[in-house]
Amino acid sequence: NYADSAKGRFTISRDNAKNTVYLQMNSLKPEDTAVYYCTVF
């Protein structure tokens, strides 16, 4: 699931064998400037 601002531009994926999550960010905009934090449950 994505925030509206991310839909169509960002793709989240995960590799369960590596316990790793990815965020592919395309068509970046100045308003995407931020500190990005990953989180796991």
PDB file of all heavy atoms in Angstrom:
ATOM      1  N   ASN A   1       0.856  -1.187   0.000  1.00  0.00           N
ATOM      2  CA  ASN A   1       0.000   0.000   0.000  1.00  0.00           C
ATOM      3  C   ASN A   1       0.887   1.230   0.000  1.00  0.00           C
ATOM      4  O   ASN A   1       1.982   1.221   0.573  1.00  0.00           O
ATOM      5  CB  ASN A   1      -0.920   0.017   1.221  1.00  0.00           C
ATOM      6  CG  ASN A   1      -2.079  -0.936   1.067  1.00  0.00           C
ATOM      7  OD1 ASN A   1      -2.987  -0.709   0.274  1.00  0.00           O
ATOM      8  ND2 ASN A   1      -2.053  -2.024   1.813  1.00  0.00           N
ATOM      9  N   TYR A   2       0.385   2.277  -0.638  1.00  0.00           N
ATOM     10  CA  TYR A   2       1.184   3.490  -0.823  1.00  0.00           C
ATOM     11  C   TYR A   2       0.412   4.734  -0.407  1.00  0.00           C
ATOM     12  O   TYR A   2      -0.815   4.795  -0.541  1.00  0.00           O
ATOM     13  CB  TYR A   2       1.581   3.644  -2.292  1.00  0.00           C
ATOM     14  CG  TYR A   2       2.448   2.541  -2.828  1.00  0.00           C
ATOM     15  CD1 TYR A   2       1.881   1.406  -3.389  1.00  0.00           C
ATOM     16  CD2 TYR A   2       3.831   2.643  -2.779  1.00  0.00           C
ATOM     17  CE1 TYR A   2       2.674   0.381  -3.880  1.00  0.00           C
ATOM     18  CE2 TYR A   2       4.633   1.636  -3.272  1.00  0.00           C
ATOM     19  CZ  TYR A   2       4.046   0.501  -3.819  1.00  0.00           C
ATOM     20  OH  TYR A   2       4.849  -0.514  -4.311  1.00  0.00           O
ATOM     21  N   ALA A   3       1.154   5.732   0.051  1.00  0.00           N
ATOM     22  CA  ALA A   3       0.581   7.057   0.212  1.00  0.00           C
ATOM     23  C   ALA A   3       0.233   7.585  -1.173  1.00  0.00           C
ATOM     24  O   ALA A   3       0.861   7.208  -2.177  1.00  0.00           O
ATOM     25  CB  ALA A   3       1.575   7.992   0.888  1.00  0.00           C
ATOM     26  N   ASP A   4      -0.763   8.450  -1.240  1.00  0.00           N
ATOM     27  CA  ASP A   4      -1.173   8.979  -2.543  1.00  0.00           C
ATOM     28  C   ASP A   4      -0.003   9.642  -3.271  1.00  0.00           C
ATOM     29  O   ASP A   4       0.110   9.544  -4.493  1.00  0.00           O
ATOM     30  CB  ASP A   4      -2.308   9.989  -2.353  1.00  0.00           C
ATOM     31  CG  ASP A   4      -3.629   9.320  -1.998  1.00  0.00           C
ATOM     32  OD1 ASP A   4      -3.746   8.096  -2.202  1.00  0.00           O
ATOM     33  OD2 ASP A   4      -4.533  10.018  -1.505  1.00  0.00           O
ATOM     34  N   SER A   5       0.862  10.290  -2.519  1.00  0.00           N
ATOM     35  CA  SER A   5       1.987  10.999  -3.137  1.00  0.00           C
ATOM     36  C   SER A   5       2.999  10.052  -3.762  1.00  0.00           C
ATOM     37  O   SER A   5       3.803  10.459  -4.596  1.00  0.00           O
ATOM     38  CB  SER A   5       2.685  11.877  -2.101  1.00  0.00           C
ATOM     39  OG  SER A   5       3.189  11.081  -1.036  1.00  0.00           O
ATOM     40  N   ALA A   6       2.974   8.795  -3.351  1.00  0.00           N
ATOM     41  CA  ALA A   6       3.944   7.808  -3.839  1.00  0.00           C
ATOM     42  C   ALA A   6       3.389   6.924  -4.956  1.00  0.00           C
ATOM     43  O   ALA A   6       4.167   6.302  -5.689  1.00  0.00           O
ATOM     44  CB  ALA A   6       4.418   6.927  -2.686  1.00  0.00           C
ATOM     45  N   LYS A   7       2.102   6.868  -5.083  1.00  0.00           N
ATOM     46  CA  LYS A   7       1.485   5.968  -6.056  1.00  0.00           C
ATOM     47  C   LYS A   7       1.933   6.316  -7.469  1.00  0.00           C
ATOM     48  O   LYS A   7       1.936   7.482  -7.874  1.00  0.00           O
ATOM     49  CB  LYS A   7      -0.040   6.050  -5.961  1.00  0.00           C
ATOM     50  CG  LYS A   7      -0.608   5.414  -4.711  1.00  0.00           C
ATOM     51  CD  LYS A   7      -2.122   5.566  -4.642  1.00  0.00           C
ATOM     52  CE  LYS A   7      -2.675   4.939  -3.368  1.00  0.00           C
ATOM     53  NZ  LYS A   7      -4.147   5.147  -3.254  1.00  0.00           N
ATOM     54  N   GLY A   8       2.319   5.285  -8.199  1.00  0.00           N
ATOM     55  CA  GLY A   8       2.737   5.463  -9.576  1.00  0.00           C
ATOM     56  C   GLY A   8       4.189   5.863  -9.760  1.00  0.00           C
ATOM     57  O   GLY A   8       4.703   5.833 -10.881  1.00  0.00           O
ATOM     58  N   ARG A   9       4.845   6.251  -8.674  1.00  0.00           N
ATOM     59  CA  ARG A   9       6.246   6.665  -8.771  1.00  0.00           C
ATOM     60  C   ARG A   9       7.181   5.782  -7.950  1.00  0.00           C
ATOM     61  O   ARG A   9       8.326   5.559  -8.327  1.00  0.00           O
ATOM     62  CB  ARG A   9       6.402   8.119  -8.311  1.00  0.00           C
ATOM     63  CG  ARG A   9       5.608   9.118  -9.117  1.00  0.00           C
ATOM     64  CD  ARG A   9       5.961  10.557  -8.719  1.00  0.00           C
ATOM     65  NE  ARG A   9       5.675  10.819  -7.307  1.00  0.00           N
ATOM     66  CZ  ARG A   9       6.566  11.306  -6.458  1.00  0.00           C
ATOM     67  NH1 ARG A   9       7.797  11.573  -6.852  1.00  0.00           N
ATOM     68  NH2 ARG A   9       6.224  11.540  -5.202  1.00  0.00           N
ATOM     69  N   PHE A  10       6.693   5.318  -6.803  1.00  0.00           N
ATOM     70  CA  PHE A  10       7.522   4.518  -5.900  1.00  0.00           C
ATOM     71  C   PHE A  10       7.051   3.067  -5.908  1.00  0.00           C
ATOM     72  O   PHE A  10       5.862   2.793  -6.073  1.00  0.00           O
ATOM     73  CB  PHE A  10       7.423   5.044  -4.466  1.00  0.00           C
ATOM     74  CG  PHE A  10       7.983   6.425  -4.257  1.00  0.00           C
ATOM     75  CD1 PHE A  10       8.524   7.171  -5.302  1.00  0.00           C
ATOM     76  CD2 PHE A  10       7.948   6.993  -2.990  1.00  0.00           C
ATOM     77  CE1 PHE A  10       9.031   8.438  -5.101  1.00  0.00           C
ATOM     78  CE2 PHE A  10       8.456   8.265  -2.762  1.00  0.00           C
ATOM     79  CZ  PHE A  10       8.992   8.986  -3.826  1.00  0.00           C
ATOM     80  N   THR A  11       8.001   2.153  -5.702  1.00  0.00           N
ATOM     81  CA  THR A  11       7.680   0.735  -5.596  1.00  0.00           C
ATOM     82  C   THR A  11       8.392   0.149  -4.391  1.00  0.00           C
ATOM     83  O   THR A  11       9.621   0.254  -4.280  1.00  0.00           O
ATOM     84  CB  THR A  11       8.095  -0.033  -6.852  1.00  0.00           C
ATOM     85  OG1 THR A  11       7.446   0.535  -8.001  1.00  0.00           O
ATOM     86  CG2 THR A  11       7.701  -1.497  -6.737  1.00  0.00           C
ATOM     87  N   ILE A  12       7.622  -0.463  -3.507  1.00  0.00           N
ATOM     88  CA  ILE A  12       8.203  -1.133  -2.355  1.00  0.00           C
ATOM     89  C   ILE A  12       8.293  -2.621  -2.647  1.00  0.00           C
ATOM     90  O   ILE A  12       7.402  -3.190  -3.296  1.00  0.00           O
ATOM     91  CB  ILE A  12       7.381  -0.864  -1.072  1.00  0.00           C
ATOM     92  CG1 ILE A  12       8.115  -1.380   0.171  1.00  0.00           C
ATOM     93  CG2 ILE A  12       5.976  -1.451  -1.175  1.00  0.00           C
ATOM     94  CD1 ILE A  12       7.468  -0.937   1.487  1.00  0.00           C
ATOM     95  N   SER A  13       9.365  -3.243  -2.208  1.00  0.00           N
ATOM     96  CA  SER A  13       9.533  -4.680  -2.385  1.00  0.00           C
ATOM     97  C   SER A  13      10.337  -5.217  -1.204  1.00  0.00           C
ATOM     98  O   SER A  13      10.921  -4.446  -0.439  1.00  0.00           O
ATOM     99  CB  SER A  13      10.227  -4.993  -3.710  1.00  0.00           C
ATOM    100  OG  SER A  13      11.514  -4.401  -3.743  1.00  0.00           O
ATOM    101  N   ARG A  14      10.361  -6.526  -1.069  1.00  0.00           N
ATOM    102  CA  ARG A  14      11.095  -7.133   0.038  1.00  0.00           C
ATOM    103  C   ARG A  14      11.684  -8.462  -0.398  1.00  0.00           C
ATOM    104  O   ARG A  14      11.144  -9.138  -1.268  1.00  0.00           O
ATOM    105  CB  ARG A  14      10.197  -7.308   1.261  1.00  0.00           C
ATOM    106  CG  ARG A  14       9.024  -8.237   1.067  1.00  0.00           C
ATOM    107  CD  ARG A  14       8.057  -8.176   2.255  1.00  0.00           C
ATOM    108  NE  ARG A  14       8.586  -8.865   3.429  1.00  0.00           N
ATOM    109  CZ  ARG A  14       8.007  -8.822   4.633  1.00  0.00           C
ATOM    110  NH1 ARG A  14       6.903  -8.097   4.810  1.00  0.00           N
ATOM    111  NH2 ARG A  14       8.524  -9.493   5.647  1.00  0.00           N
ATOM    112  N   ASP A  15      12.789  -8.796   0.251  1.00  0.00           N
ATOM    113  CA  ASP A  15      13.430 -10.087   0.065  1.00  0.00           C
ATOM    114  C   ASP A  15      13.412 -10.759   1.426  1.00  0.00           C
ATOM    115  O   ASP A  15      14.206 -10.420   2.306  1.00  0.00           O
ATOM    116  CB  ASP A  15      14.860  -9.894  -0.447  1.00  0.00           C
ATOM    117  CG  ASP A  15      15.551 -11.208  -0.765  1.00  0.00           C
ATOM    118  OD1 ASP A  15      15.203 -12.237  -0.140  1.00  0.00           O
ATOM    119  OD2 ASP A  15      16.461 -11.203  -1.604  1.00  0.00           O
ATOM    120  N   ASN A  16      12.493 -11.676   1.607  1.00  0.00           N
ATOM    121  CA  ASN A  16      12.326 -12.292   2.919  1.00  0.00           C
ATOM    122  C   ASN A  16      13.544 -13.117   3.325  1.00  0.00           C
ATOM    123  O   ASN A  16      13.872 -13.221   4.510  1.00  0.00           O
ATOM    124  CB  ASN A  16      11.074 -13.167   2.942  1.00  0.00           C
ATOM    125  CG  ASN A  16       9.802 -12.347   2.851  1.00  0.00           C
ATOM    126  OD1 ASN A  16       9.747 -11.198   3.312  1.00  0.00           O
ATOM    127  ND2 ASN A  16       8.762 -12.913   2.255  1.00  0.00           N
ATOM    128  N   ALA A  17      14.228 -13.695   2.366  1.00  0.00           N
ATOM    129  CA  ALA A  17      15.419 -14.488   2.680  1.00  0.00           C
ATOM    130  C   ALA A  17      16.533 -13.614   3.245  1.00  0.00           C
ATOM    131  O   ALA A  17      17.362 -14.088   4.034  1.00  0.00           O
ATOM    132  CB  ALA A  17      15.897 -15.217   1.435  1.00  0.00           C
ATOM    133  N   LYS A  18      16.551 -12.344   2.847  1.00  0.00           N
ATOM    134  CA  LYS A  18      17.587 -11.422   3.302  1.00  0.00           C
ATOM    135  C   LYS A  18      17.073 -10.461   4.371  1.00  0.00           C
ATOM    136  O   LYS A  18      17.824  -9.595   4.821  1.00  0.00           O
ATOM    137  CB  LYS A  18      18.128 -10.623   2.122  1.00  0.00           C
ATOM    138  CG  LYS A  18      18.832 -11.461   1.069  1.00  0.00           C
ATOM    139  CD  LYS A  18      19.366 -10.583  -0.063  1.00  0.00           C
ATOM    140  CE  LYS A  18      20.098 -11.411  -1.094  1.00  0.00           C
ATOM    141  NZ  LYS A  18      20.615 -10.566  -2.215  1.00  0.00           N
ATOM    142  N   ASN A  19      15.794 -10.603   4.743  1.00  0.00           N
ATOM    143  CA  ASN A  19      15.197  -9.673   5.712  1.00  0.00           C
ATOM    144  C   ASN A  19      15.430  -8.221   5.309  1.00  0.00           C
ATOM    145  O   ASN A  19      15.796  -7.376   6.134  1.00  0.00           O
ATOM    146  CB  ASN A  19      15.734  -9.927   7.121  1.00  0.00           C
ATOM    147  CG  ASN A  19      15.304 -11.265   7.679  1.00  0.00           C
ATOM    148  OD1 ASN A  19      14.164 -11.676   7.514  1.00  0.00           O
ATOM    149  ND2 ASN A  19      16.227 -11.963   8.317  1.00  0.00           N
ATOM    150  N   THR A  20      15.224  -7.956   4.048  1.00  0.00           N
ATOM    151  CA  THR A  20      15.514  -6.639   3.483  1.00  0.00           C
ATOM    152  C   THR A  20      14.296  -6.090   2.771  1.00  0.00           C
ATOM    153  O   THR A  20      13.587  -6.827   2.077  1.00  0.00           O
ATOM    154  CB  THR A  20      16.704  -6.716   2.518  1.00  0.00           C
ATOM    155  OG1 THR A  20      17.858  -7.178   3.234  1.00  0.00           O
ATOM    156  CG2 THR A  20      17.010  -5.355   1.913  1.00  0.00           C
ATOM    157  N   VAL A  21      14.086  -4.785   2.951  1.00  0.00           N
ATOM    158  CA  VAL A  21      13.010  -4.096   2.244  1.00  0.00           C
ATOM    159  C   VAL A  21      13.628  -2.987   1.393  1.00  0.00           C
ATOM    160  O   VAL A  21      14.636  -2.386   1.786  1.00  0.00           O
ATOM    161  CB  VAL A  21      11.959  -3.527   3.224  1.00  0.00           C
ATOM    162  CG1 VAL A  21      12.566  -2.515   4.183  1.00  0.00           C
ATOM    163  CG2 VAL A  21      10.760  -2.943   2.486  1.00  0.00           C
ATOM    164  N   TYR A  22      13.032  -2.765   0.237  1.00  0.00           N
ATOM    165  CA  TYR A  22      13.547  -1.789  -0.717  1.00  0.00           C
ATOM    166  C   TYR A  22      12.467  -0.763  -1.038  1.00  0.00           C
ATOM    167  O   TYR A  22      11.268  -1.045  -0.946  1.00  0.00           O
ATOM    168  CB  TYR A  22      13.982  -2.473  -2.014  1.00  0.00           C
ATOM    169  CG  TYR A  22      14.959  -3.601  -1.834  1.00  0.00           C
ATOM    170  CD1 TYR A  22      14.512  -4.915  -1.742  1.00  0.00           C
ATOM    171  CD2 TYR A  22      16.322  -3.356  -1.744  1.00  0.00           C
ATOM    172  CE1 TYR A  22      15.409  -5.962  -1.574  1.00  0.00           C
ATOM    173  CE2 TYR A  22      17.228  -4.399  -1.581  1.00  0.00           C
ATOM    174  CZ  TYR A  22      16.760  -5.692  -1.495  1.00  0.00           C
ATOM    175  OH  TYR A  22      17.661  -6.723  -1.330  1.00  0.00           O
ATOM    176  N   LEU A  23      12.903   0.410  -1.448  1.00  0.00           N
ATOM    177  CA  LEU A  23      11.993   1.421  -1.968  1.00  0.00           C
ATOM    178  C   LEU A  23      12.623   2.016  -3.219  1.00  0.00           C
ATOM    179  O   LEU A  23      13.624   2.726  -3.131  1.00  0.00           O
ATOM    180  CB  LEU A  23      11.711   2.516  -0.937  1.00  0.00           C
ATOM    181  CG  LEU A  23      10.653   3.536  -1.347  1.00  0.00           C
ATOM    182  CD1 LEU A  23       9.266   2.869  -1.431  1.00  0.00           C
ATOM    183  CD2 LEU A  23      10.607   4.723  -0.389  1.00  0.00           C
ATOM    184  N   GLN A  24      12.047   1.672  -4.358  1.00  0.00           N
ATOM    185  CA  GLN A  24      12.493   2.251  -5.622  1.00  0.00           C
ATOM    186  C   GLN A  24      11.704   3.529  -5.849  1.00  0.00           C
ATOM    187  O   GLN A  24      10.470   3.493  -5.906  1.00  0.00           O
ATOM    188  CB  GLN A  24      12.258   1.274  -6.775  1.00  0.00           C
ATOM    189  CG  GLN A  24      12.619   1.815  -8.142  1.00  0.00           C
ATOM    190  CD  GLN A  24      14.106   2.053  -8.311  1.00  0.00           C
ATOM    191  OE1 GLN A  24      14.924   1.233  -7.883  1.00  0.00           O
ATOM    192  NE2 GLN A  24      14.475   3.181  -8.904  1.00  0.00           N
ATOM    193  N   MET A  25      12.400   4.636  -5.954  1.00  0.00           N
ATOM    194  CA  MET A  25      11.753   5.939  -6.112  1.00  0.00           C
ATOM    195  C   MET A  25      12.116   6.516  -7.467  1.00  0.00           C
ATOM    196  O   MET A  25      13.300   6.769  -7.745  1.00  0.00           O
ATOM    197  CB  MET A  25      12.192   6.885  -4.993  1.00  0.00           C
ATOM    198  CG  MET A  25      11.921   6.334  -3.598  1.00  0.00           C
ATOM    199  SD  MET A  25      12.252   7.537  -2.293  1.00  0.00           S
ATOM    200  CE  MET A  25      14.024   7.681  -2.421  1.00  0.00           C
ATOM    201  N   ASN A  26      11.126   6.707  -8.306  1.00  0.00           N
ATOM    202  CA  ASN A  26      11.316   7.264  -9.641  1.00  0.00           C
ATOM    203  C   ASN A  26      10.601   8.608  -9.749  1.00  0.00           C
ATOM    204  O   ASN A  26       9.744   8.935  -8.931  1.00  0.00           O
ATOM    205  CB  ASN A  26      10.774   6.308 -10.702  1.00  0.00           C
ATOM    206  CG  ASN A  26      11.484   4.970 -10.701  1.00  0.00           C
ATOM    207  OD1 ASN A  26      12.679   4.885 -10.406  1.00  0.00           O
ATOM    208  ND2 ASN A  26      10.746   3.915 -11.035  1.00  0.00           N
ATOM    209  N   SER A  27      10.959   9.355 -10.778  1.00  0.00           N
ATOM    210  CA  SER A  27      10.320  10.652 -11.036  1.00  0.00           C
ATOM    211  C   SER A  27      10.293  11.499  -9.762  1.00  0.00           C
ATOM    212  O   SER A  27       9.258  12.073  -9.397  1.00  0.00           O
ATOM    213  CB  SER A  27       8.895  10.459 -11.560  1.00  0.00           C
ATOM    214  OG  SER A  27       8.899   9.674 -12.740  1.00  0.00           O
ATOM    215  N   LEU A  28      11.418  11.585  -9.117  1.00  0.00           N
ATOM    216  CA  LEU A  28      11.488  12.293  -7.841  1.00  0.00           C
ATOM    217  C   LEU A  28      11.221  13.780  -8.013  1.00  0.00           C
ATOM    218  O   LEU A  28      11.588  14.384  -9.031  1.00  0.00           O
ATOM    219  CB  LEU A  28      12.842  12.063  -7.184  1.00  0.00           C
ATOM    220  CG  LEU A  28      12.984  10.686  -6.510  1.00  0.00           C
ATOM    221  CD1 LEU A  28      14.440  10.331  -6.302  1.00  0.00           C
ATOM    222  CD2 LEU A  28      12.231  10.678  -5.189  1.00  0.00           C
ATOM    223  N   LYS A  29      10.586  14.349  -7.006  1.00  0.00           N
ATOM    224  CA  LYS A  29      10.221  15.756  -6.993  1.00  0.00           C
ATOM    225  C   LYS A  29      10.886  16.441  -5.792  1.00  0.00           C
ATOM    226  O   LYS A  29      11.185  15.777  -4.795  1.00  0.00           O
ATOM    227  CB  LYS A  29       8.708  15.900  -6.869  1.00  0.00           C
ATOM    228  CG  LYS A  29       7.905  15.158  -7.923  1.00  0.00           C
ATOM    229  CD  LYS A  29       6.410  15.259  -7.633  1.00  0.00           C
ATOM    230  CE  LYS A  29       5.590  14.491  -8.647  1.00  0.00           C
ATOM    231  NZ  LYS A  29       4.127  14.566  -8.361  1.00  0.00           N
ATOM    232  N   PRO A  30      11.078  17.740  -5.864  1.00  0.00           N
ATOM    233  CA  PRO A  30      11.662  18.438  -4.710  1.00  0.00           C
ATOM    234  C   PRO A  30      10.884  18.199  -3.414  1.00  0.00           C
ATOM    235  O   PRO A  30      11.483  18.125  -2.334  1.00  0.00           O
ATOM    236  CB  PRO A  30      11.608  19.909  -5.125  1.00  0.00           C
ATOM    237  CG  PRO A  30      11.717  19.867  -6.617  1.00  0.00           C
ATOM    238  CD  PRO A  30      10.939  18.632  -7.025  1.00  0.00           C
ATOM    239  N   GLU A  31       9.581  18.037  -3.522  1.00  0.00           N
ATOM    240  CA  GLU A  31       8.780  17.803  -2.316  1.00  0.00           C
ATOM    241  C   GLU A  31       8.984  16.409  -1.719  1.00  0.00           C
ATOM    242  O   GLU A  31       8.472  16.117  -0.638  1.00  0.00           O
ATOM    243  CB  GLU A  31       7.291  18.027  -2.584  1.00  0.00           C
ATOM    244  CG  GLU A  31       6.741  17.310  -3.793  1.00  0.00           C
ATOM    245  CD  GLU A  31       6.720  18.194  -5.036  1.00  0.00           C
ATOM    246  OE1 GLU A  31       7.702  18.924  -5.287  1.00  0.00           O
ATOM    247  OE2 GLU A  31       5.703  18.132  -5.760  1.00  0.00           O
ATOM    248  N   ASP A  32       9.733  15.550  -2.410  1.00  0.00           N
ATOM    249  CA  ASP A  32      10.100  14.247  -1.838  1.00  0.00           C
ATOM    250  C   ASP A  32      11.293  14.364  -0.897  1.00  0.00           C
ATOM    251  O   ASP A  32      11.654  13.387  -0.220  1.00  0.00           O
ATOM    252  CB  ASP A  32      10.443  13.248  -2.943  1.00  0.00           C
ATOM    253  CG  ASP A  32       9.255  12.905  -3.821  1.00  0.00           C
ATOM    254  OD1 ASP A  32       8.149  12.723  -3.276  1.00  0.00           O
ATOM    255  OD2 ASP A  32       9.435  12.820  -5.058  1.00  0.00           O
ATOM    256  N   THR A  33      11.903  15.539  -0.846  1.00  0.00           N
ATOM    257  CA  THR A  33      13.030  15.754   0.055  1.00  0.00           C
ATOM    258  C   THR A  33      12.616  15.490   1.495  1.00  0.00           C
ATOM    259  O   THR A  33      11.647  16.071   1.986  1.00  0.00           O
ATOM    260  CB  THR A  33      13.567  17.193  -0.077  1.00  0.00           C
ATOM    261  OG1 THR A  33      14.110  17.363  -1.382  1.00  0.00           O
ATOM    262  CG2 THR A  33      14.640  17.475   0.965  1.00  0.00           C
ATOM    263  N   ALA A  34      13.349  14.584   2.157  1.00  0.00           N
ATOM    264  CA  ALA A  34      12.975  14.175   3.512  1.00  0.00           C
ATOM    265  C   ALA A  34      14.003  13.190   4.036  1.00  0.00           C
ATOM    266  O   ALA A  34      14.835  12.673   3.277  1.00  0.00           O
ATOM    267  CB  ALA A  34      11.596  13.502   3.513  1.00  0.00           C
ATOM    268  N   VAL A  35      13.930  12.928   5.316  1.00  0.00           N
ATOM    269  CA  VAL A  35      14.633  11.785   5.884  1.00  0.00           C
ATOM    270  C   VAL A  35      13.694  10.590   5.777  1.00  0.00           C
ATOM    271  O   VAL A  35      12.531  10.666   6.182  1.00  0.00           O
ATOM    272  CB  VAL A  35      15.027  12.019   7.357  1.00  0.00           C
ATOM    273  CG1 VAL A  35      15.706  10.776   7.925  1.00  0.00           C
ATOM    274  CG2 VAL A  35      15.937  13.237   7.482  1.00  0.00           C
ATOM    275  N   TYR A  36      14.197   9.520   5.211  1.00  0.00           N
ATOM    276  CA  TYR A  36      13.397   8.314   5.009  1.00  0.00           C
ATOM    277  C   TYR A  36      13.796   7.262   6.049  1.00  0.00           C
ATOM    278  O   TYR A  36      14.982   6.961   6.215  1.00  0.00           O
ATOM    279  CB  TYR A  36      13.597   7.773   3.594  1.00  0.00           C
ATOM    280  CG  TYR A  36      12.845   8.583   2.564  1.00  0.00           C
ATOM    281  CD1 TYR A  36      13.283   9.864   2.211  1.00  0.00           C
ATOM    282  CD2 TYR A  36      11.685   8.103   1.970  1.00  0.00           C
ATOM    283  CE1 TYR A  36      12.580  10.635   1.295  1.00  0.00           C
ATOM    284  CE2 TYR A  36      10.978   8.867   1.050  1.00  0.00           C
ATOM    285  CZ  TYR A  36      11.430  10.127   0.723  1.00  0.00           C
ATOM    286  OH  TYR A  36      10.729  10.891  -0.184  1.00  0.00           O
ATOM    287  N   TYR A  37      12.790   6.723   6.723  1.00  0.00           N
ATOM    288  CA  TYR A  37      12.997   5.731   7.768  1.00  0.00           C
ATOM    289  C   TYR A  37      12.338   4.413   7.368  1.00  0.00           C
ATOM    290  O   TYR A  37      11.186   4.409   6.930  1.00  0.00           O
ATOM    291  CB  TYR A  37      12.356   6.188   9.077  1.00  0.00           C
ATOM    292  CG  TYR A  37      12.921   7.454   9.657  1.00  0.00           C
ATOM    293  CD1 TYR A  37      12.382   8.695   9.327  1.00  0.00           C
ATOM    294  CD2 TYR A  37      13.986   7.421  10.553  1.00  0.00           C
ATOM    295  CE1 TYR A  37      12.892   9.866   9.865  1.00  0.00           C
ATOM    296  CE2 TYR A  37      14.497   8.584  11.099  1.00  0.00           C
ATOM    297  CZ  TYR A  37      13.937   9.801  10.749  1.00  0.00           C
ATOM    298  OH  TYR A  37      14.448  10.954  11.298  1.00  0.00           O
ATOM    299  N   CYS A  38      13.054   3.335   7.535  1.00  0.00           N
ATOM    300  CA  CYS A  38      12.392   2.046   7.356  1.00  0.00           C
ATOM    301  C   CYS A  38      11.880   1.569   8.709  1.00  0.00           C
ATOM    302  O   CYS A  38      12.367   1.985   9.761  1.00  0.00           O
ATOM    303  CB  CYS A  38      13.310   1.014   6.715  1.00  0.00           C
ATOM    304  SG  CYS A  38      14.604   0.373   7.774  1.00  0.00           S
ATOM    305  N   THR A  39      10.903   0.709   8.660  1.00  0.00           N
ATOM    306  CA  THR A  39      10.312   0.172   9.871  1.00  0.00           C
ATOM    307  C   THR A  39       9.888  -1.270   9.634  1.00  0.00           C
ATOM    308  O   THR A  39       9.533  -1.635   8.502  1.00  0.00           O
ATOM    309  CB  THR A  39       9.102   1.022  10.308  1.00  0.00           C
ATOM    310  OG1 THR A  39       8.623   0.569  11.581  1.00  0.00           O
ATOM    311  CG2 THR A  39       7.966   0.950   9.298  1.00  0.00           C
ATOM    312  N   VAL A  40       9.979  -2.079  10.662  1.00  0.00           N
ATOM    313  CA  VAL A  40       9.512  -3.463  10.572  1.00  0.00           C
ATOM    314  C   VAL A  40       8.675  -3.779  11.807  1.00  0.00           C
ATOM    315  O   VAL A  40       8.865  -3.202  12.877  1.00  0.00           O
ATOM    316  CB  VAL A  40      10.667  -4.483  10.449  1.00  0.00           C
ATOM    317  CG1 VAL A  40      11.504  -4.216   9.227  1.00  0.00           C
ATOM    318  CG2 VAL A  40      11.522  -4.495  11.700  1.00  0.00           C
ATOM    319  N   PHE A  41       7.751  -4.691  11.618  1.00  0.00           N
ATOM    320  CA  PHE A  41       6.892  -5.156  12.693  1.00  0.00           C
ATOM    321  C   PHE A  41       7.178  -6.646  12.894  1.00  0.00           C
ATOM    322  O   PHE A  41       7.071  -7.446  11.954  1.00  0.00           O
ATOM    323  CB  PHE A  41       5.418  -4.971  12.327  1.00  0.00           C
ATOM    324  CG  PHE A  41       5.028  -3.536  12.136  1.00  0.00           C
ATOM    325  CD1 PHE A  41       5.283  -2.879  10.941  1.00  0.00           C
ATOM    326  CD2 PHE A  41       4.401  -2.834  13.142  1.00  0.00           C
ATOM    327  CE1 PHE A  41       4.919  -1.557  10.750  1.00  0.00           C
ATOM    328  CE2 PHE A  41       4.023  -1.506  12.967  1.00  0.00           C
ATOM    329  CZ  PHE A  41       4.295  -0.870  11.770  1.00  0.00           C
TER     330      PHE A  41
END
